[in-house]
Amino acid sequence: MSLSCLANVKRNNESSRPDVQPHVVFASYVGDRSGSMCRQEKASANGVYEWVKEMCSGVINGGQKGFISVTFFDSLAEKRLVNVPMDKVEISIEQARDWSEPRNSTKLYDTAIEAINTLRRNIKSYKSSHPELRIHGVFQLFSDGHDNKSMAQSHHLQAAIEGARNEGISCIYLGIGQNAIKIGKEYGFEEDQSLSVDVGEETSEFAFRGCSMNALRCASTGESQAIPECLRQSSAPSQSFHRSTIGVPAFKLNPKARPFNLKQ
């Protein structure tokens, strides 16, 4: 049974049925490939590969329709997937490595603002021509540093993210080597959807894998999902040393894995 099916049949504490899953999902992933990401280069590549693969597979297997976008930034922003129908997506681990290879500086604000506002426009346009359908958006941003290349400022990003959340879009933030609760709030993200990650491949691997699952739950249920405590402990043990450590299973990709292709 898929995640979306489980979401439909599971009752809440009041024994009432939750809303039916969205008919259509728009997903957007924005990743940092600046030079400092070399400390978690492998996890970043694996992360976007798994995020795209799991989001597309989960949406399709759940009987939903979906569109996906992927953007990476350093000193420049590069759009790798632009509102592609999820059943037409093709991605290989080699492409993911190329997209995320660390280099240059950090154009965080400008890139994220453009991506979230594009997602908002795409959803509004689709809703206007399909008013009978339930549509949900999922936006995920990660960075390991502070912006040093944008024209915009953090308050501009905050306004854009808060605007998207007010429109029902699930917004997830991963902050590597920082207090993502604090920084995420400055960027407009909810505390429950902001995840701190210790620098390094292992902790980043936990974080990317866990957030892929969380993003899919948002897509399946049509509601923002709180990041579980066990993922917080595994992703940033330095920030949760006083708690018991509960692991999230690590994932490993075969370097010769076959390209993911849902194109009909």
C-alpha atoms as a PDB file:
ATOM      1  CA  MET A   1       0.000   0.000   0.000  1.00  0.00           C
ATOM      2  CA  SER A   2       1.416   3.409  -0.950  1.00  0.00           C
ATOM      3  CA  LEU A   3       1.888   6.334   1.407  1.00  0.00           C
ATOM      4  CA  SER A   4      -1.000   8.160  -0.222  1.00  0.00           C
ATOM      5  CA  CYS A   5      -3.349   5.232   0.334  1.00  0.00           C
ATOM      6  CA  LEU A   6      -2.336   5.034   3.984  1.00  0.00           C
ATOM      7  CA  ALA A   7      -2.996   8.740   4.344  1.00  0.00           C
ATOM      8  CA  ASN A   8      -6.500   8.322   2.990  1.00  0.00           C
ATOM      9  CA  VAL A   9      -7.624   5.501   5.249  1.00  0.00           C
ATOM     10  CA  LYS A  10      -5.884   6.400   8.493  1.00  0.00           C
ATOM     11  CA  ARG A  11      -8.130   8.169  11.005  1.00  0.00           C
ATOM     12  CA  ASN A  12      -7.061  10.920  13.356  1.00  0.00           C
ATOM     13  CA  ASN A  13      -7.611  11.079  17.104  1.00  0.00           C
ATOM     14  CA  GLU A  14     -11.228  12.120  16.584  1.00  0.00           C
ATOM     15  CA  SER A  15     -11.820   9.025  14.417  1.00  0.00           C
ATOM     16  CA  SER A  16     -12.734  11.164  11.425  1.00  0.00           C
ATOM     17  CA  ARG A  17     -11.418  10.578   7.941  1.00  0.00           C
ATOM     18  CA  PRO A  18      -8.752  12.984   6.706  1.00  0.00           C
ATOM     19  CA  ASP A  19      -9.232  14.830   3.443  1.00  0.00           C
ATOM     20  CA  VAL A  20      -8.686  12.968   0.202  1.00  0.00           C
ATOM     21  CA  GLN A  21      -5.161  13.275  -1.192  1.00  0.00           C
ATOM     22  CA  PRO A  22      -4.447  16.012  -3.748  1.00  0.00           C
ATOM     23  CA  HIS A  23      -5.272  15.242  -7.357  1.00  0.00           C
ATOM     24  CA  VAL A  24      -2.204  17.162  -8.562  1.00  0.00           C
ATOM     25  CA  VAL A  25       1.189  17.865  -6.956  1.00  0.00           C
ATOM     26  CA  PHE A  26       3.688  20.578  -7.903  1.00  0.00           C
ATOM     27  CA  ALA A  27       7.141  19.979  -6.373  1.00  0.00           C
ATOM     28  CA  SER A  28      10.184  22.255  -6.448  1.00  0.00           C
ATOM     29  CA  TYR A  29      13.695  21.481  -5.137  1.00  0.00           C
ATOM     30  CA  VAL A  30      16.363  24.181  -4.709  1.00  0.00           C
ATOM     31  CA  GLY A  31      19.873  23.097  -3.775  1.00  0.00           C
ATOM     32  CA  ASP A  32      23.142  24.786  -2.820  1.00  0.00           C
ATOM     33  CA  ARG A  33      26.198  23.769  -4.852  1.00  0.00           C
ATOM     34  CA  SER A  34      28.576  26.455  -3.577  1.00  0.00           C
ATOM     35  CA  GLY A  35      32.187  25.551  -2.829  1.00  0.00           C
ATOM     36  CA  SER A  36      31.667  24.769   0.852  1.00  0.00           C
ATOM     37  CA  MET A  37      29.332  21.902  -0.080  1.00  0.00           C
ATOM     38  CA  CYS A  38      32.441  19.805  -0.818  1.00  0.00           C
ATOM     39  CA  ARG A  39      32.146  18.499   2.764  1.00  0.00           C
ATOM     40  CA  GLN A  40      28.883  16.720   1.849  1.00  0.00           C
ATOM     41  CA  GLU A  41      29.200  16.467  -1.927  1.00  0.00           C
ATOM     42  CA  LYS A  42      28.179  12.810  -2.170  1.00  0.00           C
ATOM     43  CA  ALA A  43      25.164  13.234   0.100  1.00  0.00           C
ATOM     44  CA  SER A  44      23.969  16.209  -1.944  1.00  0.00           C
ATOM     45  CA  ALA A  45      24.091  14.275  -5.218  1.00  0.00           C
ATOM     46  CA  ASN A  46      22.404  11.243  -3.700  1.00  0.00           C
ATOM     47  CA  GLY A  47      19.885  13.542  -2.046  1.00  0.00           C
ATOM     48  CA  VAL A  48      18.536  15.176  -5.197  1.00  0.00           C
ATOM     49  CA  TYR A  49      18.543  11.853  -7.056  1.00  0.00           C
ATOM     50  CA  GLU A  50      16.483  10.190  -4.317  1.00  0.00           C
ATOM     51  CA  TRP A  51      14.200  13.209  -3.882  1.00  0.00           C
ATOM     52  CA  VAL A  52      13.271  13.279  -7.567  1.00  0.00           C
ATOM     53  CA  LYS A  53      12.941   9.503  -7.820  1.00  0.00           C
ATOM     54  CA  GLU A  54      10.850   9.076  -4.681  1.00  0.00           C
ATOM     55  CA  MET A  55       8.630  12.096  -5.309  1.00  0.00           C
ATOM     56  CA  CYS A  56       7.837  11.038  -8.865  1.00  0.00           C
ATOM     57  CA  SER A  57       7.338   7.355  -8.035  1.00  0.00           C
ATOM     58  CA  GLY A  58       5.229   8.119  -4.973  1.00  0.00           C
ATOM     59  CA  VAL A  59       2.954  10.557  -6.767  1.00  0.00           C
ATOM     60  CA  ILE A  60       2.447   8.264  -9.750  1.00  0.00           C
ATOM     61  CA  ASN A  61       1.916   5.150  -7.621  1.00  0.00           C
ATOM     62  CA  GLY A  62      -0.617   7.083  -5.565  1.00  0.00           C
ATOM     63  CA  GLY A  63      -2.698   7.797  -8.651  1.00  0.00           C
ATOM     64  CA  GLN A  64      -1.857  11.492  -8.633  1.00  0.00           C
ATOM     65  CA  LYS A  65      -0.628  13.782 -11.381  1.00  0.00           C
ATOM     66  CA  GLY A  66       2.557  15.743 -10.778  1.00  0.00           C
ATOM     67  CA  PHE A  67       4.997  18.331 -12.049  1.00  0.00           C
ATOM     68  CA  ILE A  68       8.546  18.769 -10.752  1.00  0.00           C
ATOM     69  CA  SER A  69      11.289  21.408 -10.899  1.00  0.00           C
ATOM     70  CA  VAL A  70      14.922  21.275  -9.749  1.00  0.00           C
ATOM     71  CA  THR A  71      17.288  24.244  -9.460  1.00  0.00           C
ATOM     72  CA  PHE A  72      20.859  24.400  -8.145  1.00  0.00           C
ATOM     73  CA  PHE A  73      22.766  27.555  -7.355  1.00  0.00           C
ATOM     74  CA  ASP A  74      26.265  28.778  -6.685  1.00  0.00           C
ATOM     75  CA  SER A  75      27.147  32.225  -8.042  1.00  0.00           C
ATOM     76  CA  LEU A  76      24.510  31.500 -10.690  1.00  0.00           C
ATOM     77  CA  ALA A  77      21.199  29.646 -10.694  1.00  0.00           C
ATOM     78  CA  GLU A  78      20.800  26.686 -13.047  1.00  0.00           C
ATOM     79  CA  LYS A  79      17.377  25.186 -13.752  1.00  0.00           C
ATOM     80  CA  ARG A  80      17.749  21.453 -14.314  1.00  0.00           C
ATOM     81  CA  LEU A  81      14.087  20.398 -14.432  1.00  0.00           C
ATOM     82  CA  VAL A  82      11.417  22.974 -15.233  1.00  0.00           C
ATOM     83  CA  ASN A  83       7.865  21.965 -14.324  1.00  0.00           C
ATOM     84  CA  VAL A  84       8.334  18.577 -15.994  1.00  0.00           C
ATOM     85  CA  PRO A  85       5.406  16.108 -15.804  1.00  0.00           C
ATOM     86  CA  MET A  86       6.487  13.485 -13.289  1.00  0.00           C
ATOM     87  CA  ASP A  87       5.693  10.624 -15.645  1.00  0.00           C
ATOM     88  CA  LYS A  88       8.183  12.092 -18.153  1.00  0.00           C
ATOM     89  CA  VAL A  89      11.117  12.567 -15.782  1.00  0.00           C
ATOM     90  CA  GLU A  90      14.553  11.139 -16.560  1.00  0.00           C
ATOM     91  CA  ILE A  91      17.469  11.444 -14.133  1.00  0.00           C
ATOM     92  CA  SER A  92      20.674   9.491 -13.530  1.00  0.00           C
ATOM     93  CA  ILE A  93      23.038   9.575 -10.572  1.00  0.00           C
ATOM     94  CA  GLU A  94      25.688  10.927 -12.953  1.00  0.00           C
ATOM     95  CA  GLN A  95      23.420  13.877 -13.766  1.00  0.00           C
ATOM     96  CA  ALA A  96      22.753  14.451 -10.083  1.00  0.00           C
ATOM     97  CA  ARG A  97      26.500  14.573  -9.411  1.00  0.00           C
ATOM     98  CA  ASP A  98      27.012  17.054 -12.220  1.00  0.00           C
ATOM     99  CA  TRP A  99      24.140  19.275 -11.076  1.00  0.00           C
ATOM    100  CA  SER A 100      25.358  19.430  -7.478  1.00  0.00           C
ATOM    101  CA  GLU A 101      29.160  19.536  -7.927  1.00  0.00           C
ATOM    102  CA  PRO A 102      30.432  22.235  -5.518  1.00  0.00           C
ATOM    103  CA  ARG A 103      31.896  25.446  -6.902  1.00  0.00           C
ATOM    104  CA  ASN A 104      31.942  29.240  -6.449  1.00  0.00           C
ATOM    105  CA  SER A 105      29.785  31.390  -4.148  1.00  0.00           C
ATOM    106  CA  THR A 106      26.207  31.443  -2.785  1.00  0.00           C
ATOM    107  CA  LYS A 107      23.317  33.151  -4.598  1.00  0.00           C
ATOM    108  CA  LEU A 108      20.707  31.881  -2.154  1.00  0.00           C
ATOM    109  CA  TYR A 109      18.066  34.591  -1.843  1.00  0.00           C
ATOM    110  CA  ASP A 110      17.605  35.460  -5.518  1.00  0.00           C
ATOM    111  CA  THR A 111      17.433  31.802  -6.532  1.00  0.00           C
ATOM    112  CA  ALA A 112      15.008  30.706  -3.834  1.00  0.00           C
ATOM    113  CA  ILE A 113      12.710  33.702  -4.351  1.00  0.00           C
ATOM    114  CA  GLU A 114      12.477  33.066  -8.081  1.00  0.00           C
ATOM    115  CA  ALA A 115      11.854  29.346  -7.561  1.00  0.00           C
ATOM    116  CA  ILE A 116       9.133  29.708  -4.905  1.00  0.00           C
ATOM    117  CA  ASN A 117       7.349  32.462  -6.827  1.00  0.00           C
ATOM    118  CA  THR A 118       7.473  30.370 -10.001  1.00  0.00           C
ATOM    119  CA  LEU A 119       5.948  27.472  -8.072  1.00  0.00           C
ATOM    120  CA  ARG A 120       3.193  29.750  -6.769  1.00  0.00           C
ATOM    121  CA  ARG A 121       2.406  31.000 -10.277  1.00  0.00           C
ATOM    122  CA  ASN A 122       2.341  27.490 -11.723  1.00  0.00           C
ATOM    123  CA  ILE A 123      -0.120  26.348  -9.060  1.00  0.00           C
ATOM    124  CA  LYS A 124      -2.361  29.403  -9.473  1.00  0.00           C
ATOM    125  CA  SER A 125      -2.418  28.963 -13.245  1.00  0.00           C
ATOM    126  CA  TYR A 126      -3.327  25.296 -12.985  1.00  0.00           C
ATOM    127  CA  LYS A 127      -6.010  25.987 -10.381  1.00  0.00           C
ATOM    128  CA  SER A 128      -7.609  28.619 -12.582  1.00  0.00           C
ATOM    129  CA  SER A 129      -8.126  26.099 -15.383  1.00  0.00           C
ATOM    130  CA  HIS A 130      -8.928  23.143 -13.079  1.00  0.00           C
ATOM    131  CA  PRO A 131     -10.995  24.620 -10.222  1.00  0.00           C
ATOM    132  CA  GLU A 132     -12.534  21.242  -9.416  1.00  0.00           C
ATOM    133  CA  LEU A 133      -9.188  19.636  -8.497  1.00  0.00           C
ATOM    134  CA  ARG A 134      -7.316  19.650  -5.195  1.00  0.00           C
ATOM    135  CA  ILE A 135      -3.747  20.819  -5.834  1.00  0.00           C
ATOM    136  CA  HIS A 136      -0.800  20.876  -3.444  1.00  0.00           C
ATOM    137  CA  GLY A 137       2.684  22.343  -3.693  1.00  0.00           C
ATOM    138  CA  VAL A 138       5.902  21.153  -2.027  1.00  0.00           C
ATOM    139  CA  PHE A 139       9.018  23.337  -1.873  1.00  0.00           C
ATOM    140  CA  GLN A 140      12.373  22.237  -0.445  1.00  0.00           C
ATOM    141  CA  LEU A 141      15.445  24.434  -0.008  1.00  0.00           C
ATOM    142  CA  PHE A 142      18.834  23.558   1.422  1.00  0.00           C
ATOM    143  CA  SER A 143      21.991  25.557   2.003  1.00  0.00           C
ATOM    144  CA  ASP A 144      25.158  25.302   4.093  1.00  0.00           C
ATOM    145  CA  GLY A 145      26.057  28.954   4.160  1.00  0.00           C
ATOM    146  CA  HIS A 146      24.973  32.556   4.012  1.00  0.00           C
ATOM    147  CA  ASP A 147      24.179  34.450   0.844  1.00  0.00           C
ATOM    148  CA  ASN A 148      26.997  36.477  -0.679  1.00  0.00           C
ATOM    149  CA  LYS A 149      25.820  37.037  -4.271  1.00  0.00           C
ATOM    150  CA  SER A 150      22.144  38.040  -4.311  1.00  0.00           C
ATOM    151  CA  MET A 151      20.545  41.426  -4.907  1.00  0.00           C
ATOM    152  CA  ALA A 152      17.643  40.487  -2.607  1.00  0.00           C
ATOM    153  CA  GLN A 153      17.849  40.329   1.189  1.00  0.00           C
ATOM    154  CA  SER A 154      16.634  37.741   3.695  1.00  0.00           C
ATOM    155  CA  HIS A 155      13.411  39.649   4.394  1.00  0.00           C
ATOM    156  CA  HIS A 156      12.481  39.383   0.719  1.00  0.00           C
ATOM    157  CA  LEU A 157      12.871  35.611   0.918  1.00  0.00           C
ATOM    158  CA  GLN A 158      10.877  35.572   4.152  1.00  0.00           C
ATOM    159  CA  ALA A 159       7.987  37.389   2.475  1.00  0.00           C
ATOM    160  CA  ALA A 160       7.991  34.976  -0.462  1.00  0.00           C
ATOM    161  CA  ILE A 161       8.079  31.843   1.716  1.00  0.00           C
ATOM    162  CA  GLU A 162       5.405  33.132   4.087  1.00  0.00           C
ATOM    163  CA  GLY A 163       3.243  34.029   1.092  1.00  0.00           C
ATOM    164  CA  ALA A 164       3.628  30.501  -0.271  1.00  0.00           C
ATOM    165  CA  ARG A 165       2.783  28.939   3.100  1.00  0.00           C
ATOM    166  CA  ASN A 166      -0.334  31.102   3.341  1.00  0.00           C
ATOM    167  CA  GLU A 167      -1.363  29.634  -0.002  1.00  0.00           C
ATOM    168  CA  GLY A 168      -1.047  26.111   1.415  1.00  0.00           C
ATOM    169  CA  ILE A 169       2.363  25.192  -0.032  1.00  0.00           C
ATOM    170  CA  SER A 170       4.502  22.916   2.162  1.00  0.00           C
ATOM    171  CA  CYS A 171       7.917  24.553   2.609  1.00  0.00           C
ATOM    172  CA  ILE A 172      10.893  22.555   3.961  1.00  0.00           C
ATOM    173  CA  TYR A 173      14.317  23.951   4.877  1.00  0.00           C
ATOM    174  CA  LEU A 174      17.579  22.066   5.485  1.00  0.00           C
ATOM    175  CA  GLY A 175      20.342  24.143   7.043  1.00  0.00           C
ATOM    176  CA  ILE A 176      23.749  22.448   7.048  1.00  0.00           C
ATOM    177  CA  GLY A 177      26.270  23.578   9.671  1.00  0.00           C
ATOM    178  CA  GLN A 178      23.837  26.067  11.187  1.00  0.00           C
ATOM    179  CA  ASN A 179      20.867  26.416  13.515  1.00  0.00           C
ATOM    180  CA  ALA A 180      18.207  25.835  10.872  1.00  0.00           C
ATOM    181  CA  ILE A 181      15.374  26.584  13.295  1.00  0.00           C
ATOM    182  CA  LYS A 182      16.686  30.114  13.757  1.00  0.00           C
ATOM    183  CA  ILE A 183      17.833  30.687  10.181  1.00  0.00           C
ATOM    184  CA  GLY A 184      14.761  29.031   8.705  1.00  0.00           C
ATOM    185  CA  LYS A 185      12.508  31.348  10.683  1.00  0.00           C
ATOM    186  CA  GLU A 186      14.401  34.342   9.273  1.00  0.00           C
ATOM    187  CA  TYR A 187      13.735  32.919   5.811  1.00  0.00           C
ATOM    188  CA  GLY A 188      10.007  32.408   6.479  1.00  0.00           C
ATOM    189  CA  PHE A 189       9.958  28.671   7.236  1.00  0.00           C
ATOM    190  CA  GLU A 190       8.068  27.064  10.128  1.00  0.00           C
ATOM    191  CA  GLU A 191      10.136  25.521  12.909  1.00  0.00           C
ATOM    192  CA  ASP A 192       8.456  22.152  12.373  1.00  0.00           C
ATOM    193  CA  GLN A 193       9.624  22.111   8.738  1.00  0.00           C
ATOM    194  CA  SER A 194      13.205  23.313   9.365  1.00  0.00           C
ATOM    195  CA  LEU A 195      15.992  20.785   9.918  1.00  0.00           C
ATOM    196  CA  SER A 196      19.483  21.440  11.286  1.00  0.00           C
ATOM    197  CA  VAL A 197      22.210  19.228   9.827  1.00  0.00           C
ATOM    198  CA  ASP A 198      25.767  18.743  11.085  1.00  0.00           C
ATOM    199  CA  VAL A 199      28.484  19.162   8.462  1.00  0.00           C
ATOM    200  CA  GLY A 200      29.574  15.868   6.903  1.00  0.00           C
ATOM    201  CA  GLU A 201      28.489  13.092   4.600  1.00  0.00           C
ATOM    202  CA  GLU A 202      26.845  10.801   7.165  1.00  0.00           C
ATOM    203  CA  THR A 203      24.631  13.364   8.887  1.00  0.00           C
ATOM    204  CA  SER A 204      23.738  14.973   5.555  1.00  0.00           C
ATOM    205  CA  GLU A 205      22.799  11.569   4.181  1.00  0.00           C
ATOM    206  CA  PHE A 206      20.365  11.049   7.067  1.00  0.00           C
ATOM    207  CA  ALA A 207      18.903  14.500   6.481  1.00  0.00           C
ATOM    208  CA  PHE A 208      18.425  14.267   2.735  1.00  0.00           C
ATOM    209  CA  ARG A 209      16.912  10.804   2.956  1.00  0.00           C
ATOM    210  CA  GLY A 210      14.545  11.785   5.750  1.00  0.00           C
ATOM    211  CA  CYS A 211      13.414  14.954   4.014  1.00  0.00           C
ATOM    212  CA  SER A 212      12.696  13.039   0.818  1.00  0.00           C
ATOM    213  CA  MET A 213      10.279  10.919   2.809  1.00  0.00           C
ATOM    214  CA  ASN A 214       8.796  13.957   4.535  1.00  0.00           C
ATOM    215  CA  ALA A 215       8.283  15.788   1.226  1.00  0.00           C
ATOM    216  CA  LEU A 216       6.481  12.753  -0.176  1.00  0.00           C
ATOM    217  CA  ARG A 217       4.212  12.645   2.879  1.00  0.00           C
ATOM    218  CA  CYS A 218       3.314  16.281   2.213  1.00  0.00           C
ATOM    219  CA  ALA A 219       2.499  15.419  -1.396  1.00  0.00           C
ATOM    220  CA  SER A 220       0.486  12.357  -0.408  1.00  0.00           C
ATOM    221  CA  THR A 221      -1.609  14.032   2.281  1.00  0.00           C
ATOM    222  CA  GLY A 222      -1.810  17.576   0.949  1.00  0.00           C
ATOM    223  CA  GLU A 223      -0.659  18.898   4.328  1.00  0.00           C
ATOM    224  CA  SER A 224       2.669  20.033   5.747  1.00  0.00           C
ATOM    225  CA  GLN A 225       4.288  17.359   7.921  1.00  0.00           C
ATOM    226  CA  ALA A 226       6.434  18.015  10.988  1.00  0.00           C
ATOM    227  CA  ILE A 227       9.988  16.720  10.761  1.00  0.00           C
ATOM    228  CA  PRO A 228      10.215  13.780  13.202  1.00  0.00           C
ATOM    229  CA  GLU A 229      12.402  14.025  16.285  1.00  0.00           C
ATOM    230  CA  CYS A 230      14.378  10.906  15.372  1.00  0.00           C
ATOM    231  CA  LEU A 231      15.505  12.595  12.138  1.00  0.00           C
ATOM    232  CA  ARG A 232      16.563  15.716  14.035  1.00  0.00           C
ATOM    233  CA  GLN A 233      18.689  13.615  16.382  1.00  0.00           C
ATOM    234  CA  SER A 234      20.354  11.707  13.560  1.00  0.00           C
ATOM    235  CA  SER A 235      20.940  14.757  11.345  1.00  0.00           C
ATOM    236  CA  ALA A 236      22.390  17.020  14.021  1.00  0.00           C
ATOM    237  CA  PRO A 237      23.640  14.991  16.999  1.00  0.00           C
ATOM    238  CA  SER A 238      25.787  17.951  18.069  1.00  0.00           C
ATOM    239  CA  GLN A 239      22.583  19.919  18.696  1.00  0.00           C
ATOM    240  CA  SER A 240      20.762  17.112  20.492  1.00  0.00           C
ATOM    241  CA  PHE A 241      23.504  15.561  22.656  1.00  0.00           C
ATOM    242  CA  HIS A 242      21.209  15.562  25.687  1.00  0.00           C
ATOM    243  CA  ARG A 243      18.652  13.355  23.966  1.00  0.00           C
ATOM    244  CA  SER A 244      18.807   9.655  23.240  1.00  0.00           C
ATOM    245  CA  THR A 245      20.120   8.963  19.772  1.00  0.00           C
ATOM    246  CA  ILE A 246      17.649   7.239  17.499  1.00  0.00           C
ATOM    247  CA  GLY A 247      18.993   6.367  14.076  1.00  0.00           C
ATOM    248  CA  VAL A 248      17.338   6.747  10.713  1.00  0.00           C
ATOM    249  CA  PRO A 249      18.483   3.970   8.350  1.00  0.00           C
ATOM    250  CA  ALA A 250      21.219   5.136   6.028  1.00  0.00           C
ATOM    251  CA  PHE A 251      20.852   4.704   2.317  1.00  0.00           C
ATOM    252  CA  LYS A 252      23.537   3.808  -0.157  1.00  0.00           C
ATOM    253  CA  LEU A 253      23.309   4.123  -3.902  1.00  0.00           C
ATOM    254  CA  ASN A 254      24.984   1.855  -6.361  1.00  0.00           C
ATOM    255  CA  PRO A 255      27.367   4.089  -8.343  1.00  0.00           C
ATOM    256  CA  LYS A 256      26.360   2.104 -11.416  1.00  0.00           C
ATOM    257  CA  ALA A 257      22.649   2.459 -10.727  1.00  0.00           C
ATOM    258  CA  ARG A 258      20.457   2.552 -13.801  1.00  0.00           C
ATOM    259  CA  PRO A 259      19.034   5.980 -14.704  1.00  0.00           C
ATOM    260  CA  PHE A 260      15.566   6.699 -13.334  1.00  0.00           C
ATOM    261  CA  ASN A 261      13.163   7.042 -16.249  1.00  0.00           C
ATOM    262  CA  LEU A 262       9.416   7.433 -15.984  1.00  0.00           C
ATOM    263  CA  LYS A 263       9.060   8.710 -19.520  1.00  0.00           C
ATOM    264  CA  GLN A 264       6.341   6.808 -21.336  1.00  0.00           C
END
